[in-house]
Each structure stands twice: as C-alpha cells, then as structure tokens.
C-alpha cells in the first residue's frame, strides 16, 4: 500500500524526492505524537556511545522510499513490491549469515535456503507474468 500511495503522491507532486520528504515528514509527525503519548524515555547518554553507523537508518530509509516510488511508477505496485521483498529477503539472509551490523550470526541452513529459492521463484513467476 505504501508503494501505491507514494507513487500516487509522486504523480501529483512531479517529484520523487519531494514525495520522499513529504512521506518522512508525515511519518515524523506521527512518531512525534506517539513519543509524546508514550511513557518510554530514551537513554541519550547510552546512545552517544552507539556506533556511528546506527544513525544512518534514515538515509537508508530515504533511499528505500525514493527507490520504491521509482520502481512503482516504472513497474506497477505488484511487481515493484515483489522485487523489493525478494531483495530484502536476499539481503536479510546474507546479513544473518555474516552476522554483521550488530546481528547475531545465523548461518544459511536448508530451511533458509529453501525460503530464499521460493522467494526468488515467486519473483521469477511475477517477472514472467509481466512479459
């Protein structure tokens, strides 16, 4: 649904970058409200000692939104979503296998490999259906 909504917004704004900015601004407003209503309090002292790369999530997220808008406009929502999900599964299995970015190492096993093959097969079927 996010792909379709952002794709429609990009069609109205005629700017993928502005669409991503509006999407993030709306999300930021919603999260700010949730933070105000929640009882949790961040530990900013501990956060100062976190590795610097952990603060780059927003940059990666922005690239994700821009990419999803571009893919949706070029391929349609269903194919774009299938492609992104396949890429996320491939990336996640690789990150787990290597145990990087603070993740516990989880080697590829038969179940994970089978899941990966099935996701890639779904992408293949979807690409075949798009031809």
N, C-alpha and C. Protein backbone atom coordinates (compact mmCIF):
# COMPACT_ATOMS: atom_id res chain seq x y z
N UNK A 1 0.81 -1.18 0.00
CA UNK A 1 0.00 0.00 0.00
C UNK A 1 0.86 1.26 0.00
N UNK A 2 1.97 1.22 0.74
CA UNK A 2 2.86 2.38 0.79
C UNK A 2 3.38 2.71 -0.60
N UNK A 3 3.71 1.69 -1.38
CA UNK A 3 4.22 1.93 -2.73
C UNK A 3 3.18 2.67 -3.57
N UNK A 4 1.93 2.21 -3.50
CA UNK A 4 0.87 2.83 -4.30
C UNK A 4 0.60 4.26 -3.85
N UNK A 5 0.53 4.47 -2.54
CA UNK A 5 0.27 5.82 -2.01
C UNK A 5 1.38 6.77 -2.40
N UNK A 6 2.63 6.35 -2.19
CA UNK A 6 3.75 7.23 -2.55
C UNK A 6 3.84 7.43 -4.06
N UNK A 7 3.51 6.40 -4.83
CA UNK A 7 3.50 6.55 -6.28
C UNK A 7 2.47 7.56 -6.74
N UNK A 8 1.28 7.52 -6.11
CA UNK A 8 0.23 8.49 -6.45
C UNK A 8 0.65 9.90 -6.05
N UNK A 9 1.27 10.03 -4.88
CA UNK A 9 1.74 11.35 -4.44
C UNK A 9 2.80 11.89 -5.39
N UNK A 10 3.71 11.02 -5.83
CA UNK A 10 4.75 11.45 -6.77
C UNK A 10 4.14 11.92 -8.09
N UNK A 11 3.04 11.28 -8.50
CA UNK A 11 2.36 11.70 -9.71
C UNK A 11 1.77 13.10 -9.57
N UNK A 12 1.32 13.43 -8.38
CA UNK A 12 0.75 14.75 -8.13
C UNK A 12 1.83 15.81 -7.94
N UNK A 13 2.90 15.44 -7.26
CA UNK A 13 3.96 16.41 -6.95
C UNK A 13 4.97 16.55 -8.08
N UNK A 14 5.04 15.55 -8.96
CA UNK A 14 6.02 15.52 -10.05
C UNK A 14 7.45 15.58 -9.52
N UNK A 15 7.66 14.98 -8.35
CA UNK A 15 9.00 14.96 -7.75
C UNK A 15 9.11 13.76 -6.81
N UNK A 16 9.98 12.84 -7.16
CA UNK A 16 10.21 11.67 -6.31
C UNK A 16 10.85 12.09 -5.00
N UNK A 17 11.80 13.01 -5.06
CA UNK A 17 12.49 13.46 -3.85
C UNK A 17 11.54 14.17 -2.90
N UNK A 18 10.70 15.05 -3.44
CA UNK A 18 9.73 15.74 -2.59
C UNK A 18 8.73 14.75 -2.00
N UNK A 19 8.36 13.75 -2.78
CA UNK A 19 7.46 12.71 -2.28
C UNK A 19 8.07 12.01 -1.07
N UNK A 20 9.34 11.65 -1.17
CA UNK A 20 10.02 11.01 -0.04
C UNK A 20 10.07 11.94 1.16
N UNK A 21 10.32 13.22 0.93
CA UNK A 21 10.38 14.19 2.03
C UNK A 21 9.02 14.33 2.71
N UNK A 22 7.96 14.39 1.92
CA UNK A 22 6.61 14.50 2.49
C UNK A 22 6.27 13.23 3.27
N UNK A 23 6.62 12.08 2.72
CA UNK A 23 6.37 10.81 3.39
C UNK A 23 7.09 10.76 4.75
N UNK A 24 8.34 11.18 4.76
CA UNK A 24 9.10 11.19 6.02
C UNK A 24 8.58 12.24 6.99
N UNK A 25 8.14 13.39 6.50
CA UNK A 25 7.60 14.43 7.38
C UNK A 25 6.32 13.93 8.05
N UNK A 26 5.45 13.28 7.28
CA UNK A 26 4.22 12.74 7.85
C UNK A 26 4.53 11.65 8.87
N UNK A 27 5.49 10.79 8.54
CA UNK A 27 5.90 9.75 9.48
C UNK A 27 6.51 10.33 10.74
N UNK A 28 7.31 11.37 10.58
CA UNK A 28 7.94 12.02 11.74
C UNK A 28 6.88 12.63 12.65
N UNK A 29 5.88 13.27 12.06
CA UNK A 29 4.80 13.86 12.86
C UNK A 29 4.06 12.78 13.64
N UNK A 30 3.75 11.67 12.99
CA UNK A 30 3.08 10.57 13.66
C UNK A 30 3.91 9.98 14.79
N UNK A 31 5.19 9.80 14.53
CA UNK A 31 6.08 9.26 15.57
C UNK A 31 6.25 10.23 16.72
N UNK A 32 6.31 11.53 16.42
CA UNK A 32 6.42 12.53 17.48
C UNK A 32 5.21 12.46 18.41
N UNK A 33 4.04 12.30 17.83
CA UNK A 33 2.82 12.17 18.63
C UNK A 33 2.88 10.91 19.50
N UNK A 34 3.30 9.79 18.91
CA UNK A 34 3.43 8.55 19.69
C UNK A 34 4.43 8.70 20.83
N UNK A 35 5.54 9.38 20.56
CA UNK A 35 6.53 9.60 21.62
C UNK A 35 5.97 10.44 22.75
N UNK A 36 5.20 11.46 22.40
CA UNK A 36 4.59 12.31 23.43
C UNK A 36 3.60 11.53 24.28
N UNK A 37 2.89 10.60 23.66
CA UNK A 37 1.87 9.82 24.37
C UNK A 37 2.45 8.62 25.12
N UNK A 38 3.66 8.22 24.77
CA UNK A 38 4.24 7.03 25.41
C UNK A 38 4.92 7.41 26.72
N UNK A 39 5.19 6.38 27.50
CA UNK A 39 5.86 6.60 28.78
C UNK A 39 7.36 6.29 28.69
N UNK A 40 7.79 5.83 27.54
CA UNK A 40 9.20 5.46 27.42
C UNK A 40 10.06 6.71 27.29
N UNK A 41 11.23 6.62 27.86
CA UNK A 41 12.18 7.72 27.81
C UNK A 41 13.51 7.18 27.29
N UNK A 42 14.01 7.76 26.22
CA UNK A 42 15.28 7.27 25.65
C UNK A 42 16.45 7.53 26.59
N UNK A 43 17.44 6.68 26.49
CA UNK A 43 18.68 6.85 27.25
C UNK A 43 19.69 7.51 26.32
N UNK A 44 19.66 8.84 26.26
CA UNK A 44 20.53 9.57 25.35
C UNK A 44 22.00 9.43 25.72
N UNK A 45 22.30 9.23 26.98
CA UNK A 45 23.70 9.04 27.39
C UNK A 45 24.26 7.76 26.76
N UNK A 46 23.49 6.70 26.80
CA UNK A 46 23.93 5.44 26.20
C UNK A 46 23.97 5.56 24.67
N UNK A 47 23.06 6.31 24.11
CA UNK A 47 23.00 6.47 22.65
C UNK A 47 24.26 7.14 22.11
N UNK A 48 24.86 7.99 22.91
CA UNK A 48 26.09 8.67 22.47
C UNK A 48 27.24 7.70 22.24
N UNK A 49 27.16 6.53 22.85
CA UNK A 49 28.23 5.53 22.72
C UNK A 49 27.94 4.50 21.63
N UNK A 50 26.82 4.64 20.95
CA UNK A 50 26.47 3.71 19.87
C UNK A 50 27.40 3.93 18.69
N UNK A 51 27.65 2.88 17.90
CA UNK A 51 28.47 3.07 16.70
C UNK A 51 27.83 4.12 15.79
N UNK A 52 28.66 4.87 15.11
CA UNK A 52 28.14 5.96 14.27
C UNK A 52 27.21 5.48 13.17
N UNK A 53 27.45 4.29 12.65
CA UNK A 53 26.65 3.80 11.53
C UNK A 53 25.19 3.57 11.91
N UNK A 54 24.86 3.43 13.20
CA UNK A 54 23.46 3.17 13.57
C UNK A 54 22.56 4.37 13.27
N UNK A 55 23.15 5.54 13.12
CA UNK A 55 22.37 6.75 12.86
C UNK A 55 22.05 6.92 11.38
N UNK A 56 22.50 6.01 10.54
CA UNK A 56 22.28 6.12 9.10
C UNK A 56 20.98 5.46 8.62
N UNK A 57 20.20 4.93 9.54
CA UNK A 57 18.95 4.26 9.15
C UNK A 57 18.01 5.16 8.36
N UNK A 58 17.95 6.42 8.72
CA UNK A 58 17.09 7.35 7.99
C UNK A 58 17.54 7.57 6.56
N UNK A 59 18.86 7.57 6.36
CA UNK A 59 19.40 7.73 5.00
C UNK A 59 19.02 6.51 4.16
N UNK A 60 19.18 5.33 4.74
CA UNK A 60 18.82 4.10 4.03
C UNK A 60 17.31 4.09 3.77
N UNK A 61 16.54 4.51 4.75
CA UNK A 61 15.08 4.57 4.59
C UNK A 61 14.67 5.54 3.50
N UNK A 62 15.35 6.67 3.41
CA UNK A 62 15.04 7.65 2.36
C UNK A 62 15.31 7.06 0.98
N UNK A 63 16.43 6.36 0.85
CA UNK A 63 16.75 5.71 -0.42
C UNK A 63 15.70 4.66 -0.76
N UNK A 64 15.22 3.96 0.25
CA UNK A 64 14.18 2.95 0.07
C UNK A 64 12.90 3.59 -0.47
N UNK A 65 12.48 4.70 0.13
CA UNK A 65 11.25 5.37 -0.32
C UNK A 65 11.40 5.88 -1.74
N UNK A 66 12.52 6.53 -2.03
CA UNK A 66 12.75 7.04 -3.39
C UNK A 66 12.77 5.88 -4.39
N UNK A 67 13.49 4.82 -4.06
CA UNK A 67 13.55 3.65 -4.94
C UNK A 67 12.20 3.00 -5.14
N UNK A 68 11.41 2.90 -4.08
CA UNK A 68 10.09 2.27 -4.21
C UNK A 68 9.16 3.10 -5.09
N UNK A 69 9.26 4.42 -4.99
CA UNK A 69 8.44 5.28 -5.85
C UNK A 69 8.85 5.11 -7.31
N UNK A 70 10.15 5.12 -7.57
CA UNK A 70 10.63 4.96 -8.94
C UNK A 70 10.23 3.60 -9.51
N UNK A 71 10.40 2.54 -8.71
CA UNK A 71 10.03 1.20 -9.17
C UNK A 71 8.53 1.08 -9.41
N UNK A 72 7.73 1.64 -8.52
CA UNK A 72 6.28 1.55 -8.66
C UNK A 72 5.80 2.26 -9.92
N UNK A 73 6.37 3.41 -10.17
CA UNK A 73 5.96 4.16 -11.37
C UNK A 73 6.40 3.43 -12.64
N UNK A 74 7.53 2.74 -12.59
CA UNK A 74 8.04 2.06 -13.78
C UNK A 74 7.42 0.67 -13.98
N UNK A 75 7.17 -0.05 -12.88
CA UNK A 75 6.77 -1.46 -12.97
C UNK A 75 5.36 -1.76 -12.49
N UNK A 76 4.76 -0.84 -11.76
CA UNK A 76 3.48 -1.11 -11.11
C UNK A 76 3.72 -1.58 -9.69
N UNK A 77 2.69 -1.46 -8.86
CA UNK A 77 2.83 -1.76 -7.43
C UNK A 77 3.16 -3.22 -7.15
N UNK A 78 2.49 -4.14 -7.84
CA UNK A 78 2.68 -5.57 -7.54
C UNK A 78 4.10 -6.04 -7.86
N UNK A 79 4.58 -5.72 -9.05
CA UNK A 79 5.92 -6.16 -9.42
C UNK A 79 6.98 -5.44 -8.59
N UNK A 80 6.80 -4.15 -8.35
CA UNK A 80 7.76 -3.40 -7.54
C UNK A 80 7.84 -3.98 -6.13
N UNK A 81 6.69 -4.29 -5.55
CA UNK A 81 6.66 -4.86 -4.20
C UNK A 81 7.33 -6.22 -4.17
N UNK A 82 7.05 -7.06 -5.17
CA UNK A 82 7.67 -8.39 -5.24
C UNK A 82 9.18 -8.27 -5.36
N UNK A 83 9.64 -7.35 -6.18
CA UNK A 83 11.08 -7.14 -6.36
C UNK A 83 11.74 -6.68 -5.07
N UNK A 84 11.11 -5.75 -4.38
CA UNK A 84 11.68 -5.23 -3.13
C UNK A 84 11.68 -6.31 -2.05
N UNK A 85 10.61 -7.08 -1.94
CA UNK A 85 10.57 -8.15 -0.95
C UNK A 85 11.67 -9.17 -1.23
N UNK A 86 11.85 -9.55 -2.48
CA UNK A 86 12.91 -10.50 -2.83
C UNK A 86 14.27 -9.94 -2.46
N UNK A 87 14.50 -8.67 -2.77
CA UNK A 87 15.79 -8.04 -2.42
C UNK A 87 15.98 -7.99 -0.91
N UNK A 88 14.91 -7.72 -0.17
CA UNK A 88 15.02 -7.68 1.29
C UNK A 88 15.34 -9.06 1.86
N UNK A 89 14.72 -10.10 1.33
CA UNK A 89 14.98 -11.45 1.83
C UNK A 89 16.42 -11.86 1.52
N UNK A 90 16.88 -11.61 0.30
CA UNK A 90 18.26 -11.93 -0.06
C UNK A 90 19.23 -11.19 0.86
N UNK A 91 18.99 -9.90 1.05
CA UNK A 91 19.86 -9.09 1.91
C UNK A 91 19.82 -9.58 3.35
N UNK A 92 18.63 -9.87 3.86
CA UNK A 92 18.50 -10.32 5.25
C UNK A 92 19.21 -11.64 5.49
N UNK A 93 19.07 -12.58 4.56
CA UNK A 93 19.75 -13.87 4.71
C UNK A 93 21.26 -13.67 4.69
N UNK A 94 21.74 -12.80 3.82
CA UNK A 94 23.18 -12.51 3.76
C UNK A 94 23.66 -11.85 5.05
N UNK A 95 22.93 -10.86 5.54
CA UNK A 95 23.31 -10.18 6.79
C UNK A 95 23.32 -11.15 7.96
N UNK A 96 22.28 -12.01 8.05
CA UNK A 96 22.23 -13.02 9.11
C UNK A 96 23.41 -13.98 9.00
N UNK A 97 23.67 -14.45 7.79
CA UNK A 97 24.75 -15.42 7.58
C UNK A 97 26.10 -14.85 8.00
N UNK A 98 26.33 -13.58 7.67
CA UNK A 98 27.61 -12.94 8.00
C UNK A 98 27.65 -12.41 9.43
N UNK A 99 26.48 -12.20 10.04
CA UNK A 99 26.44 -11.66 11.39
C UNK A 99 26.98 -10.24 11.47
N UNK A 100 26.61 -9.40 10.54
CA UNK A 100 27.10 -8.02 10.51
C UNK A 100 26.02 -7.05 10.99
N UNK A 101 26.42 -5.79 11.18
CA UNK A 101 25.52 -4.72 11.62
C UNK A 101 24.86 -5.03 12.96
N UNK A 102 25.60 -5.68 13.82
CA UNK A 102 25.11 -5.97 15.16
C UNK A 102 24.19 -7.18 15.25
N UNK A 103 24.02 -7.91 14.17
CA UNK A 103 23.15 -9.08 14.18
C UNK A 103 23.90 -10.32 14.65
N UNK A 104 23.16 -11.19 15.33
CA UNK A 104 23.72 -12.49 15.70
C UNK A 104 23.91 -13.30 14.42
N UNK A 105 25.02 -14.02 14.33
CA UNK A 105 25.28 -14.82 13.13
C UNK A 105 24.33 -16.01 13.09
N UNK A 106 23.63 -16.15 11.97
CA UNK A 106 22.71 -17.26 11.75
C UNK A 106 23.01 -17.83 10.37
N UNK A 107 23.84 -18.88 10.33
CA UNK A 107 24.26 -19.43 9.05
C UNK A 107 23.07 -19.89 8.20
N UNK A 108 23.28 -19.84 6.89
CA UNK A 108 22.26 -20.34 5.97
C UNK A 108 22.14 -21.84 6.18
N UNK A 109 20.91 -22.29 6.40
CA UNK A 109 20.65 -23.72 6.53
C UNK A 109 19.65 -24.13 5.45
N UNK A 110 19.23 -25.36 5.48
CA UNK A 110 18.34 -25.86 4.44
C UNK A 110 17.02 -25.07 4.40
N UNK A 111 16.45 -24.77 5.55
CA UNK A 111 15.17 -24.04 5.59
C UNK A 111 15.33 -22.63 5.02
N UNK A 112 16.39 -21.95 5.39
CA UNK A 112 16.61 -20.59 4.88
C UNK A 112 16.88 -20.61 3.38
N UNK A 113 17.66 -21.59 2.94
CA UNK A 113 17.96 -21.69 1.51
C UNK A 113 16.68 -22.00 0.72
N UNK A 114 15.84 -22.86 1.26
CA UNK A 114 14.57 -23.18 0.60
C UNK A 114 13.67 -21.95 0.52
N UNK A 115 13.59 -21.22 1.62
CA UNK A 115 12.79 -19.98 1.62
C UNK A 115 13.31 -19.00 0.58
N UNK A 116 14.62 -18.89 0.48
CA UNK A 116 15.22 -17.99 -0.50
C UNK A 116 14.87 -18.42 -1.92
N UNK A 117 14.98 -19.71 -2.19
CA UNK A 117 14.63 -20.22 -3.53
C UNK A 117 13.16 -19.95 -3.84
N UNK A 118 12.28 -20.14 -2.86
CA UNK A 118 10.86 -19.89 -3.09
C UNK A 118 10.56 -18.42 -3.36
N UNK A 119 11.22 -17.53 -2.62
CA UNK A 119 11.02 -16.09 -2.84
C UNK A 119 11.52 -15.71 -4.23
N UNK A 120 12.68 -16.23 -4.61
CA UNK A 120 13.21 -15.94 -5.94
C UNK A 120 12.33 -16.56 -7.03
N UNK A 121 11.76 -17.73 -6.76
CA UNK A 121 10.84 -18.34 -7.72
C UNK A 121 9.59 -17.47 -7.88
N UNK A 122 9.08 -16.94 -6.77
CA UNK A 122 7.92 -16.04 -6.84
C UNK A 122 8.25 -14.81 -7.68
N UNK A 123 9.44 -14.27 -7.50
CA UNK A 123 9.86 -13.13 -8.31
C UNK A 123 9.93 -13.53 -9.79
N UNK A 124 10.48 -14.71 -10.05
CA UNK A 124 10.56 -15.20 -11.43
C UNK A 124 9.19 -15.34 -12.07
N UNK A 125 8.24 -15.90 -11.32
CA UNK A 125 6.87 -16.05 -11.83
C UNK A 125 6.27 -14.68 -12.10
N UNK A 126 6.50 -13.76 -11.21
CA UNK A 126 5.95 -12.40 -11.36
C UNK A 126 6.57 -11.70 -12.57
N UNK A 127 7.88 -11.87 -12.75
CA UNK A 127 8.55 -11.27 -13.91
C UNK A 127 8.06 -11.92 -15.21
N UNK A 128 7.87 -13.23 -15.18
CA UNK A 128 7.37 -13.95 -16.35
C UNK A 128 5.97 -13.47 -16.70
N UNK A 129 5.15 -13.23 -15.67
CA UNK A 129 3.79 -12.75 -15.89
C UNK A 129 3.75 -11.32 -16.39
N UNK A 130 4.83 -10.57 -16.17
CA UNK A 130 4.87 -9.17 -16.61
C UNK A 130 5.23 -9.05 -18.08
N UNK A 131 5.79 -10.13 -18.65
CA UNK A 131 6.24 -10.07 -20.05
C UNK A 131 5.10 -10.07 -21.03
